[in-house]
Amino acid sequence: MMIHRYWRIAVFAPIVGFLLAAGVAVVMTDAGSGETEFRFWFVVLSMANYGVIGLVIGAAAMFGGLATVAMFDRHLTKSRRVRIFLAAFGAVVGVLLLSVGVAVALTMMDDAAYAGITIAFGLVFGLAASVVAAVMVLYADRHRR
């Protein structure tokens, strides 16, 4: 029953993460200045790089949200608000676990100076992912009715 209701989230969460991160890349690279041809390819490469990172973050948020809903509301008997909260909380936890894993890897490679900022970015990205997860679960529950 859970797969039947939330399959759209499993398909679209990484895509939404890719698109949001690619949009951030466009804003960060300031596409309107400099040499036009060089700037265009720089923006395209930035969109691809940021998009892959967004895809990974979206996948981590999706797995975290779906795992939390599966653990605490296995038969989907609780209210819609509880499922939305569980999905948002799970998305934050999933992205934080990913950022902690990256921070541990950075520390093991003697690059511990960036470990703290990696966890801070994970928290910020996790909060953004929680909003997207809440909206996606709300849409899936409304679409189900």
C-alpha atoms as a PDB file:
ATOM      1  CA  MET A   1       0.000   0.000   0.000  1.00  0.00           C
ATOM      2  CA  MET A   2       2.833   2.376   0.799  1.00  0.00           C
ATOM      3  CA  ILE A   3       4.565   1.736  -2.519  1.00  0.00           C
ATOM      4  CA  HIS A   4       1.304   2.266  -4.363  1.00  0.00           C
ATOM      5  CA  ARG A   5       0.759   5.639  -2.687  1.00  0.00           C
ATOM      6  CA  TYR A   6       4.308   7.040  -2.724  1.00  0.00           C
ATOM      7  CA  TRP A   7       5.851   5.704  -5.932  1.00  0.00           C
ATOM      8  CA  ARG A   8       5.729   9.191  -7.467  1.00  0.00           C
ATOM      9  CA  ILE A   9       7.926  10.503  -4.678  1.00  0.00           C
ATOM     10  CA  ALA A  10      10.480   7.769  -5.313  1.00  0.00           C
ATOM     11  CA  VAL A  11      10.590   8.733  -8.984  1.00  0.00           C
ATOM     12  CA  PHE A  12      10.485  12.516  -8.723  1.00  0.00           C
ATOM     13  CA  ALA A  13      12.454  13.312  -5.535  1.00  0.00           C
ATOM     14  CA  PRO A  14      15.916  12.891  -7.108  1.00  0.00           C
ATOM     15  CA  ILE A  15      14.744  14.792 -10.207  1.00  0.00           C
ATOM     16  CA  VAL A  16      13.442  17.664  -8.088  1.00  0.00           C
ATOM     17  CA  GLY A  17      16.748  17.699  -6.194  1.00  0.00           C
ATOM     18  CA  PHE A  18      18.639  17.878  -9.495  1.00  0.00           C
ATOM     19  CA  LEU A  19      16.478  20.719 -10.818  1.00  0.00           C
ATOM     20  CA  LEU A  20      16.641  22.766  -7.615  1.00  0.00           C
ATOM     21  CA  ALA A  21      20.414  22.439  -7.429  1.00  0.00           C
ATOM     22  CA  ALA A  22      20.781  23.287 -11.131  1.00  0.00           C
ATOM     23  CA  GLY A  23      18.696  26.406 -10.525  1.00  0.00           C
ATOM     24  CA  VAL A  24      20.990  27.360  -7.652  1.00  0.00           C
ATOM     25  CA  ALA A  25      23.963  26.912  -9.998  1.00  0.00           C
ATOM     26  CA  VAL A  26      22.466  29.347 -12.488  1.00  0.00           C
ATOM     27  CA  VAL A  27      21.966  31.946  -9.780  1.00  0.00           C
ATOM     28  CA  MET A  28      25.443  31.431  -8.337  1.00  0.00           C
ATOM     29  CA  THR A  29      27.331  31.656 -11.622  1.00  0.00           C
ATOM     30  CA  ASP A  30      25.791  35.004 -12.649  1.00  0.00           C
ATOM     31  CA  ALA A  31      25.016  33.966 -16.209  1.00  0.00           C
ATOM     32  CA  GLY A  32      24.681  37.522 -17.538  1.00  0.00           C
ATOM     33  CA  SER A  33      28.272  38.727 -17.255  1.00  0.00           C
ATOM     34  CA  GLY A  34      31.562  37.960 -18.967  1.00  0.00           C
ATOM     35  CA  GLU A  35      32.187  36.349 -22.321  1.00  0.00           C
ATOM     36  CA  THR A  36      28.975  34.877 -23.594  1.00  0.00           C
ATOM     37  CA  GLU A  37      30.279  31.622 -25.037  1.00  0.00           C
ATOM     38  CA  PHE A  38      32.602  30.888 -22.139  1.00  0.00           C
ATOM     39  CA  ARG A  39      29.937  31.832 -19.602  1.00  0.00           C
ATOM     40  CA  PHE A  40      27.364  29.575 -21.269  1.00  0.00           C
ATOM     41  CA  TRP A  41      29.527  26.463 -20.970  1.00  0.00           C
ATOM     42  CA  PHE A  42      30.547  27.414 -17.447  1.00  0.00           C
ATOM     43  CA  VAL A  43      26.871  27.645 -16.488  1.00  0.00           C
ATOM     44  CA  VAL A  44      26.110  24.302 -18.163  1.00  0.00           C
ATOM     45  CA  LEU A  45      28.962  22.570 -16.328  1.00  0.00           C
ATOM     46  CA  SER A  46      27.956  24.194 -13.041  1.00  0.00           C
ATOM     47  CA  MET A  47      24.378  23.049 -13.553  1.00  0.00           C
ATOM     48  CA  ALA A  48      25.571  19.506 -14.171  1.00  0.00           C
ATOM     49  CA  ASN A  49      27.870  19.474 -11.128  1.00  0.00           C
ATOM     50  CA  TYR A  50      25.379  21.032  -8.743  1.00  0.00           C
ATOM     51  CA  GLY A  51      22.604  18.914 -10.230  1.00  0.00           C
ATOM     52  CA  VAL A  52      24.401  15.672  -9.421  1.00  0.00           C
ATOM     53  CA  ILE A  53      24.922  16.855  -5.854  1.00  0.00           C
ATOM     54  CA  GLY A  54      21.227  17.777  -5.672  1.00  0.00           C
ATOM     55  CA  LEU A  55      20.295  14.369  -7.046  1.00  0.00           C
ATOM     56  CA  VAL A  56      22.279  12.647  -4.289  1.00  0.00           C
ATOM     57  CA  ILE A  57      20.770  14.921  -1.629  1.00  0.00           C
ATOM     58  CA  GLY A  58      17.280  14.298  -3.028  1.00  0.00           C
ATOM     59  CA  ALA A  59      17.839  10.551  -2.945  1.00  0.00           C
ATOM     60  CA  ALA A  60      19.084  10.709   0.659  1.00  0.00           C
ATOM     61  CA  ALA A  61      16.068  12.795   1.665  1.00  0.00           C
ATOM     62  CA  MET A  62      13.722  10.410  -0.127  1.00  0.00           C
ATOM     63  CA  PHE A  63      15.185   7.339   1.569  1.00  0.00           C
ATOM     64  CA  GLY A  64      15.123   9.066   4.956  1.00  0.00           C
ATOM     65  CA  GLY A  65      11.540  10.231   4.593  1.00  0.00           C
ATOM     66  CA  LEU A  66      10.184   6.969   3.270  1.00  0.00           C
ATOM     67  CA  ALA A  67      12.090   4.955   5.884  1.00  0.00           C
ATOM     68  CA  THR A  68      10.702   7.102   8.692  1.00  0.00           C
ATOM     69  CA  VAL A  69       7.141   6.790   7.408  1.00  0.00           C
ATOM     70  CA  ALA A  70       7.628   3.037   6.983  1.00  0.00           C
ATOM     71  CA  MET A  71       8.955   2.648  10.527  1.00  0.00           C
ATOM     72  CA  PHE A  72       6.323   4.684  12.345  1.00  0.00           C
ATOM     73  CA  ASP A  73       3.242   4.357  10.131  1.00  0.00           C
ATOM     74  CA  ARG A  74       3.613   1.013   8.423  1.00  0.00           C
ATOM     75  CA  HIS A  75      -0.037   0.539   7.461  1.00  0.00           C
ATOM     76  CA  LEU A  76      -0.699   4.252   6.818  1.00  0.00           C
ATOM     77  CA  THR A  77      -3.324   4.439   9.536  1.00  0.00           C
ATOM     78  CA  LYS A  78      -2.230   7.707  11.136  1.00  0.00           C
ATOM     79  CA  SER A  79      -3.409  11.108  10.022  1.00  0.00           C
ATOM     80  CA  ARG A  80      -2.041  12.991   7.031  1.00  0.00           C
ATOM     81  CA  ARG A  81      -0.358  15.550   9.300  1.00  0.00           C
ATOM     82  CA  VAL A  82       1.591  12.840  11.095  1.00  0.00           C
ATOM     83  CA  ARG A  83       2.782  11.349   7.803  1.00  0.00           C
ATOM     84  CA  ILE A  84       3.821  14.781   6.527  1.00  0.00           C
ATOM     85  CA  PHE A  85       5.751  15.452   9.732  1.00  0.00           C
ATOM     86  CA  LEU A  86       7.389  12.017   9.634  1.00  0.00           C
ATOM     87  CA  ALA A  87       8.435  12.470   6.000  1.00  0.00           C
ATOM     88  CA  ALA A  88       9.862  15.940   6.666  1.00  0.00           C
ATOM     89  CA  PHE A  89      11.710  14.759   9.755  1.00  0.00           C
ATOM     90  CA  GLY A  90      13.050  11.714   7.914  1.00  0.00           C
ATOM     91  CA  ALA A  91      14.253  13.882   5.033  1.00  0.00           C
ATOM     92  CA  VAL A  92      16.263  16.061   7.430  1.00  0.00           C
ATOM     93  CA  VAL A  93      17.716  13.010   9.146  1.00  0.00           C
ATOM     94  CA  GLY A  94      18.603  11.364   5.827  1.00  0.00           C
ATOM     95  CA  VAL A  95      20.450  14.431   4.556  1.00  0.00           C
ATOM     96  CA  LEU A  96      22.178  14.939   7.913  1.00  0.00           C
ATOM     97  CA  LEU A  97      23.362  11.340   7.909  1.00  0.00           C
ATOM     98  CA  LEU A  98      24.735  11.866   4.415  1.00  0.00           C
ATOM     99  CA  SER A  99      26.566  15.032   5.497  1.00  0.00           C
ATOM    100  CA  VAL A 100      27.956  13.341   8.600  1.00  0.00           C
ATOM    101  CA  GLY A 101      29.226  10.505   6.406  1.00  0.00           C
ATOM    102  CA  VAL A 102      30.925  12.999   4.089  1.00  0.00           C
ATOM    103  CA  ALA A 103      32.377  14.822   7.118  1.00  0.00           C
ATOM    104  CA  VAL A 104      33.777  11.568   8.488  1.00  0.00           C
ATOM    105  CA  ALA A 105      35.322  10.811   5.095  1.00  0.00           C
ATOM    106  CA  LEU A 106      36.862  14.293   5.000  1.00  0.00           C
ATOM    107  CA  THR A 107      38.260  13.812   8.494  1.00  0.00           C
ATOM    108  CA  MET A 108      39.782  10.466   7.552  1.00  0.00           C
ATOM    109  CA  MET A 109      41.455  12.110   4.547  1.00  0.00           C
ATOM    110  CA  ASP A 110      43.092  14.723   6.829  1.00  0.00           C
ATOM    111  CA  ASP A 111      40.809  17.472   5.609  1.00  0.00           C
ATOM    112  CA  ALA A 112      38.952  17.987   8.878  1.00  0.00           C
ATOM    113  CA  ALA A 113      38.775  21.762   8.446  1.00  0.00           C
ATOM    114  CA  TYR A 114      35.745  21.311   6.163  1.00  0.00           C
ATOM    115  CA  ALA A 115      33.931  18.738   8.295  1.00  0.00           C
ATOM    116  CA  GLY A 116      32.005  21.287  10.346  1.00  0.00           C
ATOM    117  CA  ILE A 117      30.922  23.317   7.347  1.00  0.00           C
ATOM    118  CA  THR A 118      29.826  20.118   5.612  1.00  0.00           C
ATOM    119  CA  ILE A 119      27.501  19.286   8.489  1.00  0.00           C
ATOM    120  CA  ALA A 120      26.206  22.885   8.532  1.00  0.00           C
ATOM    121  CA  PHE A 121      25.450  22.709   4.813  1.00  0.00           C
ATOM    122  CA  GLY A 122      23.795  19.336   5.421  1.00  0.00           C
ATOM    123  CA  LEU A 123      21.487  20.938   7.956  1.00  0.00           C
ATOM    124  CA  VAL A 124      20.538  23.738   5.568  1.00  0.00           C
ATOM    125  CA  PHE A 125      20.001  21.342   2.664  1.00  0.00           C
ATOM    126  CA  GLY A 126      18.085  19.023   4.977  1.00  0.00           C
ATOM    127  CA  LEU A 127      15.698  21.799   5.972  1.00  0.00           C
ATOM    128  CA  ALA A 128      15.081  22.606   2.306  1.00  0.00           C
ATOM    129  CA  ALA A 129      14.577  18.916   1.577  1.00  0.00           C
ATOM    130  CA  SER A 130      12.100  18.649   4.446  1.00  0.00           C
ATOM    131  CA  VAL A 131       9.912  21.346   2.908  1.00  0.00           C
ATOM    132  CA  VAL A 132       9.990  19.585  -0.457  1.00  0.00           C
ATOM    133  CA  ALA A 133       9.263  16.222   1.218  1.00  0.00           C
ATOM    134  CA  ALA A 134       6.299  17.661   3.093  1.00  0.00           C
ATOM    135  CA  VAL A 135       4.851  19.126  -0.097  1.00  0.00           C
ATOM    136  CA  MET A 136       5.365  15.874  -2.006  1.00  0.00           C
ATOM    137  CA  VAL A 137       3.708  13.753   0.687  1.00  0.00           C
ATOM    138  CA  LEU A 138       0.829  16.233   0.942  1.00  0.00           C
ATOM    139  CA  TYR A 139       0.360  16.027  -2.825  1.00  0.00           C
ATOM    140  CA  ALA A 140       0.540  12.222  -2.808  1.00  0.00           C
ATOM    141  CA  ASP A 141      -2.016  11.965  -0.013  1.00  0.00           C
ATOM    142  CA  ARG A 142      -4.371  14.432  -1.684  1.00  0.00           C
ATOM    143  CA  HIS A 143      -3.973  12.667  -5.011  1.00  0.00           C
ATOM    144  CA  ARG A 144      -4.803   9.354  -3.330  1.00  0.00           C
ATOM    145  CA  ARG A 145      -8.174  10.643  -2.144  1.00  0.00           C
END
